[in-house]
C-alpha cells in the first residue's frame, strides 16, 4: 500500500509538472518579441572602423549607401542598421531622464536599454510604431537630436503614449536633450 501511495504521488507530481511545462511553452509561443516573420529576416554584422571613416557625417552616408544597395537586391524588401536586434542579450544601458520629471537629489532617473538603429529599422523588423514617426536620413546626416522611446517608458514617465511626442529625454551623461519623435511597442531583451 505504501508503494502504491508513493507511485500515485510521483505520478501526480509528473502530471502537474508536465502541465506547467506545456503552459509555459504555450505562453512563450505567444510572446511578441518585437519583430515579425523571423523566417524572412537575415542579420549580419558590419564593422565600419572609425580609422577608415573618421567623420560622423560620412559614416551615415556610407551606411545609407550600403542599405540602398542591399535594398536593391531582388527579394529584399527592407534593410536597416541595428546595434542589436530584439531578444539579443543587451549591451548598452544608460540612465534616461525624462523632461518634466522631478529627479530630486536622492532620486536617480531609471536605467534603460538603449538601441541604436537607422531609418527604416522599425519597418525592417516589423516592430510596431504606436505613435509618431521613424527617423529620417536627413536627421542622421545633420546629427539632429531625436529619439524614439518604448511604450512602457512613455507610460511610466508621462502616463501617456500620445503625450510623449515632442517631449525630450537626456541619455546618459549627455547634456543635450533629444526630442521624442516616436513611441514604439515594447521589445524583449535577452530572450523571451
N, C-alpha and C. Protein backbone atom coordinates (compact mmCIF):
# COMPACT_ATOMS: atom_id res chain seq x y z
N UNK A 1 0.81 -1.19 0.00
CA UNK A 1 0.00 0.00 0.00
C UNK A 1 0.86 1.26 0.00
N UNK A 2 1.94 1.26 0.75
CA UNK A 2 2.82 2.43 0.79
C UNK A 2 3.46 2.66 -0.57
N UNK A 3 3.79 1.58 -1.27
CA UNK A 3 4.38 1.70 -2.60
C UNK A 3 3.39 2.31 -3.59
N UNK A 4 2.14 1.93 -3.49
CA UNK A 4 1.10 2.48 -4.37
C UNK A 4 0.92 3.97 -4.10
N UNK A 5 0.93 4.37 -2.84
CA UNK A 5 0.78 5.78 -2.48
C UNK A 5 1.94 6.59 -3.04
N UNK A 6 3.15 6.08 -2.94
CA UNK A 6 4.33 6.76 -3.47
C UNK A 6 4.23 6.87 -4.99
N UNK A 7 3.80 5.81 -5.65
CA UNK A 7 3.67 5.84 -7.11
C UNK A 7 2.60 6.85 -7.55
N UNK A 8 1.49 6.89 -6.85
CA UNK A 8 0.42 7.84 -7.19
C UNK A 8 0.92 9.28 -6.96
N UNK A 9 1.65 9.49 -5.86
CA UNK A 9 2.18 10.82 -5.56
C UNK A 9 3.18 11.26 -6.64
N UNK A 10 4.07 10.36 -7.05
CA UNK A 10 5.03 10.68 -8.11
C UNK A 10 4.32 10.94 -9.44
N UNK A 11 3.30 10.14 -9.75
CA UNK A 11 2.53 10.34 -10.98
C UNK A 11 1.85 11.71 -10.96
N UNK A 12 1.32 12.09 -9.80
CA UNK A 12 0.66 13.38 -9.66
C UNK A 12 1.66 14.53 -9.85
N UNK A 13 2.85 14.39 -9.28
CA UNK A 13 3.89 15.40 -9.44
C UNK A 13 4.29 15.52 -10.92
N UNK A 14 4.47 14.40 -11.60
CA UNK A 14 4.81 14.42 -13.02
C UNK A 14 3.69 15.04 -13.86
N UNK A 15 2.45 14.73 -13.53
CA UNK A 15 1.32 15.29 -14.27
C UNK A 15 1.26 16.81 -14.11
N UNK A 16 1.42 17.30 -12.89
CA UNK A 16 1.39 18.74 -12.64
C UNK A 16 2.58 19.42 -13.32
N UNK A 17 3.76 18.83 -13.22
CA UNK A 17 4.96 19.40 -13.85
C UNK A 17 4.82 19.47 -15.36
N UNK A 18 4.30 18.42 -15.97
CA UNK A 18 4.14 18.43 -17.43
C UNK A 18 3.09 19.45 -17.85
N UNK A 19 2.03 19.61 -17.06
CA UNK A 19 1.02 20.64 -17.35
C UNK A 19 1.61 22.03 -17.29
N UNK A 20 2.43 22.28 -16.26
CA UNK A 20 3.08 23.59 -16.14
C UNK A 20 4.06 23.84 -17.29
N UNK A 21 4.78 22.79 -17.70
CA UNK A 21 5.73 22.93 -18.79
C UNK A 21 4.99 23.23 -20.10
N UNK A 22 3.88 22.56 -20.35
CA UNK A 22 3.10 22.81 -21.56
C UNK A 22 2.55 24.23 -21.56
N UNK A 23 2.03 24.67 -20.40
CA UNK A 23 1.51 26.04 -20.31
C UNK A 23 2.61 27.07 -20.54
N UNK A 24 3.81 26.85 -19.98
CA UNK A 24 4.93 27.75 -20.17
C UNK A 24 5.33 27.80 -21.64
N UNK A 25 5.39 26.64 -22.28
CA UNK A 25 5.74 26.58 -23.70
C UNK A 25 4.70 27.34 -24.53
N UNK A 26 3.43 27.15 -24.23
CA UNK A 26 2.37 27.87 -24.94
C UNK A 26 2.50 29.39 -24.73
N UNK A 27 2.77 29.82 -23.50
CA UNK A 27 2.94 31.24 -23.21
C UNK A 27 4.14 31.83 -23.96
N UNK A 28 5.23 31.08 -24.05
CA UNK A 28 6.42 31.57 -24.75
C UNK A 28 6.17 31.70 -26.25
N UNK A 29 5.32 30.83 -26.80
CA UNK A 29 5.00 30.91 -28.23
C UNK A 29 4.16 32.15 -28.54
N UNK A 30 3.44 32.66 -27.55
CA UNK A 30 2.58 33.82 -27.79
C UNK A 30 3.28 35.14 -27.47
N UNK A 31 4.55 35.11 -27.09
CA UNK A 31 5.31 36.34 -26.80
C UNK A 31 5.51 37.11 -28.10
N UNK A 32 5.22 38.41 -28.07
CA UNK A 32 5.51 39.29 -29.20
C UNK A 32 6.94 39.82 -29.00
N UNK A 33 7.93 39.28 -29.70
CA UNK A 33 9.32 39.60 -29.41
C UNK A 33 9.79 40.99 -29.84
N UNK A 34 9.02 41.67 -30.67
CA UNK A 34 9.45 42.98 -31.16
C UNK A 34 9.83 42.94 -32.62
N UNK A 35 9.67 41.78 -33.26
CA UNK A 35 9.87 41.66 -34.70
C UNK A 35 8.87 40.64 -35.23
N UNK A 36 8.62 40.69 -36.53
CA UNK A 36 7.66 39.77 -37.14
C UNK A 36 8.34 38.94 -38.21
N UNK A 37 7.76 37.82 -38.49
CA UNK A 37 8.20 36.92 -39.57
C UNK A 37 9.69 36.63 -39.55
N UNK A 38 10.18 35.98 -38.50
CA UNK A 38 11.63 35.74 -38.38
C UNK A 38 12.20 34.88 -39.51
N UNK A 39 11.37 34.10 -40.19
CA UNK A 39 11.89 33.27 -41.28
C UNK A 39 12.40 34.11 -42.45
N UNK A 40 11.95 35.35 -42.55
CA UNK A 40 12.38 36.20 -43.66
C UNK A 40 13.47 37.19 -43.28
N UNK A 41 13.91 37.17 -42.03
CA UNK A 41 14.93 38.12 -41.58
C UNK A 41 16.32 37.52 -41.69
N UNK A 42 17.25 38.33 -42.13
CA UNK A 42 18.67 37.96 -42.16
C UNK A 42 19.42 39.01 -41.36
N UNK A 43 20.39 38.58 -40.58
CA UNK A 43 21.16 39.51 -39.77
C UNK A 43 22.64 39.26 -40.02
N UNK A 44 23.37 40.33 -40.30
CA UNK A 44 24.82 40.23 -40.46
C UNK A 44 25.46 41.35 -39.64
N UNK A 45 26.69 41.15 -39.24
CA UNK A 45 27.44 42.17 -38.51
C UNK A 45 28.32 42.92 -39.49
N UNK A 46 28.25 44.24 -39.43
CA UNK A 46 29.06 45.10 -40.28
C UNK A 46 29.86 46.02 -39.38
N UNK A 47 31.15 46.11 -39.63
CA UNK A 47 32.01 46.99 -38.84
C UNK A 47 32.57 48.07 -39.76
N UNK A 48 32.28 49.31 -39.39
CA UNK A 48 32.84 50.45 -40.11
C UNK A 48 33.86 51.10 -39.19
N UNK A 49 35.15 50.74 -39.31
CA UNK A 49 36.17 51.27 -38.40
C UNK A 49 36.28 52.78 -38.48
N UNK A 50 36.34 53.41 -37.32
CA UNK A 50 36.48 54.88 -37.25
C UNK A 50 37.76 55.35 -37.92
N UNK A 51 38.76 54.49 -37.98
CA UNK A 51 40.03 54.85 -38.63
C UNK A 51 39.80 55.06 -40.12
N UNK A 52 38.94 54.21 -40.74
CA UNK A 52 38.69 54.31 -42.18
C UNK A 52 37.76 55.47 -42.52
N UNK A 53 36.81 55.75 -41.63
CA UNK A 53 35.84 56.83 -41.87
C UNK A 53 35.73 57.65 -40.59
N UNK A 54 36.62 58.60 -40.36
CA UNK A 54 36.62 59.32 -39.10
C UNK A 54 35.50 60.36 -38.94
N UNK A 55 34.93 60.84 -40.05
CA UNK A 55 33.91 61.88 -39.97
C UNK A 55 32.54 61.25 -39.77
N UNK A 56 31.81 61.62 -38.68
CA UNK A 56 30.49 61.02 -38.41
C UNK A 56 29.50 61.21 -39.55
N UNK A 57 29.53 62.36 -40.21
CA UNK A 57 28.57 62.58 -41.30
C UNK A 57 28.85 61.67 -42.49
N UNK A 58 30.13 61.33 -42.70
CA UNK A 58 30.47 60.39 -43.78
C UNK A 58 30.04 58.98 -43.43
N UNK A 59 30.09 58.64 -42.13
CA UNK A 59 29.67 57.30 -41.70
C UNK A 59 28.19 57.08 -42.05
N UNK A 60 27.35 58.07 -41.76
CA UNK A 60 25.93 57.91 -42.07
C UNK A 60 25.68 57.83 -43.57
N UNK A 61 26.47 58.55 -44.35
CA UNK A 61 26.31 58.46 -45.81
C UNK A 61 26.73 57.08 -46.32
N UNK A 62 27.79 56.52 -45.76
CA UNK A 62 28.23 55.17 -46.14
C UNK A 62 27.16 54.16 -45.72
N UNK A 63 26.61 54.32 -44.52
CA UNK A 63 25.54 53.41 -44.06
C UNK A 63 24.34 53.47 -45.00
N UNK A 64 23.92 54.68 -45.36
CA UNK A 64 22.77 54.81 -46.25
C UNK A 64 23.07 54.16 -47.60
N UNK A 65 24.28 54.35 -48.11
CA UNK A 65 24.66 53.74 -49.39
C UNK A 65 24.61 52.21 -49.30
N UNK A 66 25.13 51.65 -48.22
CA UNK A 66 25.10 50.19 -48.03
C UNK A 66 23.66 49.70 -48.01
N UNK A 67 22.80 50.38 -47.27
CA UNK A 67 21.40 49.95 -47.17
C UNK A 67 20.67 50.10 -48.50
N UNK A 68 20.95 51.16 -49.24
CA UNK A 68 20.34 51.34 -50.56
C UNK A 68 20.74 50.19 -51.49
N UNK A 69 21.99 49.79 -51.43
CA UNK A 69 22.46 48.69 -52.28
C UNK A 69 21.85 47.35 -51.86
N UNK A 70 21.73 47.14 -50.54
CA UNK A 70 21.08 45.91 -50.07
C UNK A 70 19.62 45.87 -50.47
N UNK A 71 18.93 46.99 -50.32
CA UNK A 71 17.50 47.05 -50.67
C UNK A 71 17.27 46.83 -52.16
N UNK A 72 18.28 47.11 -52.99
CA UNK A 72 18.15 46.93 -54.43
C UNK A 72 18.29 45.47 -54.86
N UNK A 73 18.72 44.60 -53.98
CA UNK A 73 18.86 43.18 -54.31
C UNK A 73 17.47 42.58 -54.47
N UNK A 74 17.22 41.83 -55.55
CA UNK A 74 15.89 41.22 -55.74
C UNK A 74 15.51 40.35 -54.54
N UNK A 75 14.28 40.55 -54.07
CA UNK A 75 13.78 39.78 -52.93
C UNK A 75 13.93 40.49 -51.59
N UNK A 76 14.79 41.51 -51.54
CA UNK A 76 14.97 42.26 -50.30
C UNK A 76 13.91 43.35 -50.26
N UNK A 77 13.09 43.36 -49.21
CA UNK A 77 12.03 44.36 -49.10
C UNK A 77 12.45 45.55 -48.24
N UNK A 78 13.41 45.35 -47.36
CA UNK A 78 13.83 46.43 -46.48
C UNK A 78 15.17 46.06 -45.85
N UNK A 79 15.96 47.08 -45.52
CA UNK A 79 17.25 46.86 -44.86
C UNK A 79 17.49 47.99 -43.87
N UNK A 80 18.16 47.67 -42.78
CA UNK A 80 18.43 48.68 -41.75
C UNK A 80 19.63 48.27 -40.92
N UNK A 81 20.23 49.27 -40.26
CA UNK A 81 21.29 49.02 -39.30
C UNK A 81 20.70 49.01 -37.90
N UNK A 82 21.15 48.07 -37.10
CA UNK A 82 20.81 47.97 -35.68
C UNK A 82 22.09 47.65 -34.93
N UNK A 83 22.21 48.17 -33.72
CA UNK A 83 23.36 47.74 -32.92
C UNK A 83 23.09 46.36 -32.33
N UNK A 84 21.83 46.03 -32.12
CA UNK A 84 21.43 44.70 -31.67
C UNK A 84 19.95 44.54 -31.96
N UNK A 85 19.53 43.32 -32.26
CA UNK A 85 18.12 43.08 -32.55
C UNK A 85 17.41 42.64 -31.28
N UNK A 86 16.07 42.78 -31.25
CA UNK A 86 15.33 42.34 -30.06
C UNK A 86 15.64 40.90 -29.70
N UNK A 87 15.61 40.61 -28.43
CA UNK A 87 15.85 39.31 -27.81
C UNK A 87 17.32 38.94 -27.72
N UNK A 88 18.21 39.74 -28.31
CA UNK A 88 19.64 39.53 -28.11
C UNK A 88 20.01 40.01 -26.71
N UNK A 89 21.03 39.44 -26.11
CA UNK A 89 21.48 39.99 -24.82
C UNK A 89 21.85 41.46 -25.00
N UNK A 90 21.29 42.31 -24.16
CA UNK A 90 21.53 43.74 -24.30
C UNK A 90 22.92 44.10 -23.83
N UNK A 91 23.46 45.15 -24.47
CA UNK A 91 24.82 45.56 -24.15
C UNK A 91 24.89 47.00 -23.70
N UNK A 92 23.93 47.82 -24.10
CA UNK A 92 24.04 49.25 -23.86
C UNK A 92 22.90 49.72 -22.97
N UNK A 93 23.23 50.03 -21.73
CA UNK A 93 22.26 50.60 -20.80
C UNK A 93 22.73 51.99 -20.43
N UNK A 94 21.77 52.86 -20.17
CA UNK A 94 22.11 54.23 -19.76
C UNK A 94 20.97 54.77 -18.92
N UNK A 95 21.31 55.73 -18.09
CA UNK A 95 20.28 56.45 -17.35
C UNK A 95 19.57 57.37 -18.35
N UNK A 96 18.24 57.35 -18.33
CA UNK A 96 17.46 58.18 -19.24
C UNK A 96 16.53 59.06 -18.40
N UNK A 97 16.76 60.36 -18.44
CA UNK A 97 15.94 61.32 -17.71
C UNK A 97 14.89 61.88 -18.65
N UNK A 98 13.65 61.92 -18.17
CA UNK A 98 12.54 62.43 -18.97
C UNK A 98 12.24 63.87 -18.61
N UNK A 99 11.97 64.67 -19.63
CA UNK A 99 11.62 66.06 -19.42
C UNK A 99 10.34 66.16 -18.59
N UNK A 100 10.35 67.08 -17.64
CA UNK A 100 9.18 67.31 -16.83
C UNK A 100 9.11 66.45 -15.57
N UNK A 101 10.07 65.57 -15.38
CA UNK A 101 10.09 64.72 -14.19
C UNK A 101 11.02 65.34 -13.15
N UNK A 102 10.63 65.21 -11.90
CA UNK A 102 11.44 65.75 -10.81
C UNK A 102 12.32 64.63 -10.25
N UNK A 103 13.59 64.69 -10.57
CA UNK A 103 14.55 63.74 -10.02
C UNK A 103 15.30 64.50 -8.93
N UNK A 104 14.74 64.46 -7.75
CA UNK A 104 15.31 65.19 -6.63
C UNK A 104 16.72 64.73 -6.33
N UNK A 105 17.34 65.31 -5.31
CA UNK A 105 18.74 64.98 -5.01
C UNK A 105 18.96 63.51 -4.66
N UNK A 106 17.95 62.83 -4.17
CA UNK A 106 18.12 61.42 -3.79
C UNK A 106 17.44 60.46 -4.75
N UNK A 107 16.92 60.97 -5.87
CA UNK A 107 16.22 60.13 -6.83
C UNK A 107 16.98 60.12 -8.15
N UNK A 108 17.30 58.93 -8.63
CA UNK A 108 18.06 58.78 -9.86
C UNK A 108 17.09 58.37 -10.97
N UNK A 109 17.22 58.95 -12.17
CA UNK A 109 16.38 58.51 -13.29
C UNK A 109 16.60 57.02 -13.57
N UNK A 110 15.63 56.37 -14.21
CA UNK A 110 15.75 54.94 -14.45
C UNK A 110 16.84 54.60 -15.47
N UNK A 111 17.39 53.42 -15.33
CA UNK A 111 18.33 52.89 -16.31
C UNK A 111 17.53 52.14 -17.35
N UNK A 112 17.80 52.40 -18.61
CA UNK A 112 17.06 51.78 -19.71
C UNK A 112 18.04 51.19 -20.71
N UNK A 113 17.56 50.20 -21.46
CA UNK A 113 18.33 49.65 -22.57
C UNK A 113 18.23 50.61 -23.74
N UNK A 114 19.34 50.93 -24.33
CA UNK A 114 19.41 51.84 -25.46
C UNK A 114 19.68 51.02 -26.71
N UNK A 115 18.90 51.24 -27.73
CA UNK A 115 19.11 50.57 -29.02
C UNK A 115 19.37 51.65 -30.06
N UNK A 116 20.36 51.42 -30.89
CA UNK A 116 20.69 52.34 -31.97
C UNK A 116 20.24 51.71 -33.27
N UNK A 117 19.60 52.52 -34.12
CA UNK A 117 19.14 51.98 -35.40
C UNK A 117 19.08 53.08 -36.45
N UNK A 118 19.06 52.65 -37.68
CA UNK A 118 18.97 53.58 -38.80
C UNK A 118 17.51 53.80 -39.16
N UNK A 119 17.24 54.80 -40.00
CA UNK A 119 15.89 54.94 -40.52
C UNK A 119 15.45 53.65 -41.22
N UNK A 120 14.18 53.32 -41.06
CA UNK A 120 13.65 52.09 -41.65
C UNK A 120 13.82 50.87 -40.77
N UNK A 121 14.42 51.03 -39.61
CA UNK A 121 14.66 49.89 -38.73
C UNK A 121 13.38 49.25 -38.23
N UNK A 122 12.39 50.05 -37.91
CA UNK A 122 11.13 49.51 -37.41
C UNK A 122 10.43 48.70 -38.50
N UNK A 123 10.38 49.25 -39.72
CA UNK A 123 9.75 48.56 -40.85
C UNK A 123 10.47 47.25 -41.16
N UNK A 124 11.80 47.28 -41.11
CA UNK A 124 12.58 46.09 -41.44
C UNK A 124 12.29 44.93 -40.48
N UNK A 125 12.24 45.22 -39.19
CA UNK A 125 11.98 44.17 -38.22
C UNK A 125 10.49 43.91 -38.01
N UNK A 126 9.67 44.87 -38.40
CA UNK A 126 8.23 44.72 -38.15
C UNK A 126 7.85 45.13 -36.75
N UNK A 127 8.66 45.96 -36.11
CA UNK A 127 8.35 46.47 -34.77
C UNK A 127 7.29 47.56 -34.91
N UNK A 128 6.17 47.44 -34.20
CA UNK A 128 5.10 48.43 -34.35
C UNK A 128 5.50 49.82 -33.84
N UNK A 129 5.20 50.83 -34.66
CA UNK A 129 5.32 52.23 -34.26
C UNK A 129 3.93 52.63 -33.81
N UNK A 130 3.77 52.93 -32.52
CA UNK A 130 2.46 53.21 -31.96
C UNK A 130 1.97 54.62 -32.29
N UNK A 131 2.83 55.60 -32.11
CA UNK A 131 2.52 56.99 -32.48
C UNK A 131 3.80 57.67 -32.94
N UNK A 132 3.65 58.73 -33.70
CA UNK A 132 4.81 59.47 -34.16
C UNK A 132 5.33 58.94 -35.48
N UNK A 133 6.64 59.05 -35.64
CA UNK A 133 7.26 58.68 -36.91
C UNK A 133 8.64 58.07 -36.69
N UNK A 134 9.19 57.53 -37.75
CA UNK A 134 10.52 56.93 -37.76
C UNK A 134 11.57 58.03 -37.98
N UNK A 135 12.82 57.68 -37.80
CA UNK A 135 13.93 58.57 -38.11
C UNK A 135 14.00 58.81 -39.62
N UNK A 136 14.65 59.90 -40.02
CA UNK A 136 14.91 60.16 -41.44
C UNK A 136 16.41 60.24 -41.65
N UNK A 137 16.84 60.00 -42.88
CA UNK A 137 18.27 60.10 -43.18
C UNK A 137 18.76 61.54 -43.04
N UNK A 138 17.91 62.49 -43.35
CA UNK A 138 18.30 63.89 -43.20
C UNK A 138 18.65 64.19 -41.74
N UNK A 139 17.86 63.65 -40.80
CA UNK A 139 18.16 63.84 -39.38
C UNK A 139 19.49 63.19 -39.00
N UNK A 140 19.75 62.02 -39.58
CA UNK A 140 21.00 61.33 -39.29
C UNK A 140 22.18 62.12 -39.85
N UNK A 141 22.06 62.60 -41.09
CA UNK A 141 23.16 63.36 -41.72
C UNK A 141 23.44 64.66 -40.96
N UNK A 142 22.40 65.29 -40.48
CA UNK A 142 22.56 66.56 -39.76
C UNK A 142 22.76 66.36 -38.26
N UNK A 143 22.83 65.13 -37.81
CA UNK A 143 23.01 64.77 -36.40
C UNK A 143 21.99 65.49 -35.51
N UNK A 144 20.74 65.45 -35.95
CA UNK A 144 19.66 66.07 -35.19
C UNK A 144 19.38 65.22 -33.95
N UNK A 145 19.13 65.84 -32.83
CA UNK A 145 18.92 65.14 -31.57
C UNK A 145 17.47 64.69 -31.44
N UNK A 146 17.20 63.50 -32.00
CA UNK A 146 15.87 62.91 -31.93
C UNK A 146 15.98 61.50 -31.37
N UNK A 147 14.87 61.04 -30.80
CA UNK A 147 14.86 59.71 -30.20
C UNK A 147 13.45 59.13 -30.30
N UNK A 148 13.38 57.82 -30.22
CA UNK A 148 12.11 57.12 -30.05
C UNK A 148 12.19 56.42 -28.70
N UNK A 149 11.06 56.32 -28.03
CA UNK A 149 11.02 55.65 -26.73
C UNK A 149 10.03 54.51 -26.80
N UNK A 150 10.13 53.61 -25.84
CA UNK A 150 9.22 52.47 -25.78
C UNK A 150 7.90 52.87 -25.15
N UNK A 151 6.90 52.05 -25.39
CA UNK A 151 5.58 52.30 -24.81
C UNK A 151 5.66 52.33 -23.28
N UNK A 152 6.39 51.38 -22.68
CA UNK A 152 6.45 51.35 -21.21
C UNK A 152 7.16 52.59 -20.67
N UNK A 153 8.20 53.07 -21.35
CA UNK A 153 8.88 54.29 -20.90
C UNK A 153 7.92 55.48 -20.96
N UNK A 154 7.19 55.62 -22.06
CA UNK A 154 6.25 56.74 -22.21
C UNK A 154 5.18 56.70 -21.12
N UNK A 155 4.66 55.52 -20.85
CA UNK A 155 3.60 55.40 -19.83
C UNK A 155 4.17 55.65 -18.43
N UNK A 156 5.38 55.17 -18.15
CA UNK A 156 5.98 55.36 -16.84
C UNK A 156 6.33 56.82 -16.59
N UNK A 157 6.93 57.47 -17.57
CA UNK A 157 7.42 58.83 -17.37
C UNK A 157 6.38 59.92 -17.59
N UNK A 158 5.45 59.70 -18.56
CA UNK A 158 4.49 60.76 -18.89
C UNK A 158 3.04 60.29 -18.79
N UNK A 159 2.80 59.05 -18.36
CA UNK A 159 1.46 58.48 -18.19
C UNK A 159 0.65 58.41 -19.47
N UNK A 160 1.28 58.57 -20.61
CA UNK A 160 0.57 58.55 -21.88
C UNK A 160 1.52 58.22 -23.01
N UNK A 161 0.99 57.54 -24.01
CA UNK A 161 1.79 57.25 -25.19
C UNK A 161 1.76 58.44 -26.14
N UNK A 162 0.57 58.95 -26.43
CA UNK A 162 0.42 60.06 -27.37
C UNK A 162 1.11 61.33 -26.87
N UNK A 163 1.07 61.55 -25.56
CA UNK A 163 1.65 62.76 -24.99
C UNK A 163 3.17 62.77 -24.97
N UNK A 164 3.80 61.66 -25.30
CA UNK A 164 5.27 61.61 -25.30
C UNK A 164 5.87 62.34 -26.49
N UNK A 165 5.11 62.44 -27.59
CA UNK A 165 5.62 63.09 -28.79
C UNK A 165 5.90 64.56 -28.49
N UNK A 166 7.10 64.99 -28.83
CA UNK A 166 7.50 66.37 -28.59
C UNK A 166 8.19 66.58 -27.25
N UNK A 167 8.07 65.61 -26.33
CA UNK A 167 8.80 65.71 -25.07
C UNK A 167 10.27 65.46 -25.36
N UNK A 168 11.11 65.59 -24.34
CA UNK A 168 12.55 65.39 -24.54
C UNK A 168 13.12 64.48 -23.47
N UNK A 169 14.26 63.84 -23.81
CA UNK A 169 14.97 62.96 -22.88
C UNK A 169 16.46 63.30 -22.90
N UNK A 170 17.09 63.07 -21.75
CA UNK A 170 18.56 63.13 -21.65
C UNK A 170 19.05 61.71 -21.50
N UNK A 171 20.01 61.31 -22.31
CA UNK A 171 20.52 59.94 -22.29
C UNK A 171 21.92 59.94 -21.72
N UNK A 172 22.13 59.13 -20.68
CA UNK A 172 23.45 59.01 -20.06
C UNK A 172 23.92 60.32 -19.46
N UNK A 173 25.17 60.64 -19.69
CA UNK A 173 25.75 61.87 -19.13
C UNK A 173 25.68 63.02 -20.13
N UNK A 174 25.01 62.79 -21.24
CA UNK A 174 24.87 63.84 -22.25
C UNK A 174 24.13 65.03 -21.67
N UNK A 175 24.51 66.20 -22.07
CA UNK A 175 23.81 67.41 -21.65
C UNK A 175 22.93 67.94 -22.78
N UNK A 176 22.72 67.11 -23.81
CA UNK A 176 21.93 67.50 -24.96
C UNK A 176 20.58 66.79 -24.93
N UNK A 177 19.51 67.55 -24.91
CA UNK A 177 18.17 66.98 -24.93
C UNK A 177 17.88 66.39 -26.31
N UNK A 178 17.19 65.27 -26.32
CA UNK A 178 16.75 64.65 -27.57
C UNK A 178 15.23 64.67 -27.61
N UNK A 179 14.68 65.15 -28.72
CA UNK A 179 13.23 65.24 -28.88
C UNK A 179 12.64 63.88 -29.23
N UNK A 180 11.57 63.51 -28.55
CA UNK A 180 10.88 62.24 -28.82
C UNK A 180 10.01 62.44 -30.05
N UNK A 181 10.29 61.65 -31.10
CA UNK A 181 9.53 61.74 -32.35
C UNK A 181 8.62 60.54 -32.56
N UNK A 182 8.82 59.48 -31.76
CA UNK A 182 8.01 58.29 -31.93
C UNK A 182 8.00 57.44 -30.67
N UNK A 183 6.93 56.65 -30.54
CA UNK A 183 6.81 55.68 -29.45
C UNK A 183 6.60 54.32 -30.10
N UNK A 184 7.46 53.37 -29.75
CA UNK A 184 7.39 52.03 -30.33
C UNK A 184 6.89 51.03 -29.31
N UNK A 185 6.35 49.92 -29.82
CA UNK A 185 5.91 48.86 -28.93
C UNK A 185 7.11 48.30 -28.17
N UNK A 186 6.87 47.80 -26.98
CA UNK A 186 7.94 47.23 -26.18
C UNK A 186 8.54 46.02 -26.89
N UNK A 187 9.84 45.85 -26.77
CA UNK A 187 10.55 44.68 -27.31
C UNK A 187 11.24 43.97 -26.17
N UNK A 188 11.58 42.72 -26.39
CA UNK A 188 12.24 41.91 -25.36
C UNK A 188 13.74 41.98 -25.49
N UNK A 189 14.42 41.98 -24.36
CA UNK A 189 15.88 41.91 -24.30
C UNK A 189 16.27 40.58 -23.71
N UNK A 190 17.37 40.03 -24.18
CA UNK A 190 17.96 38.84 -23.57
C UNK A 190 16.98 37.66 -23.55
N UNK A 191 16.33 37.39 -24.67
CA UNK A 191 15.42 36.26 -24.76
C UNK A 191 13.99 36.61 -24.39
N UNK A 192 13.09 35.63 -24.50
CA UNK A 192 11.66 35.92 -24.25
C UNK A 192 11.34 36.09 -22.80
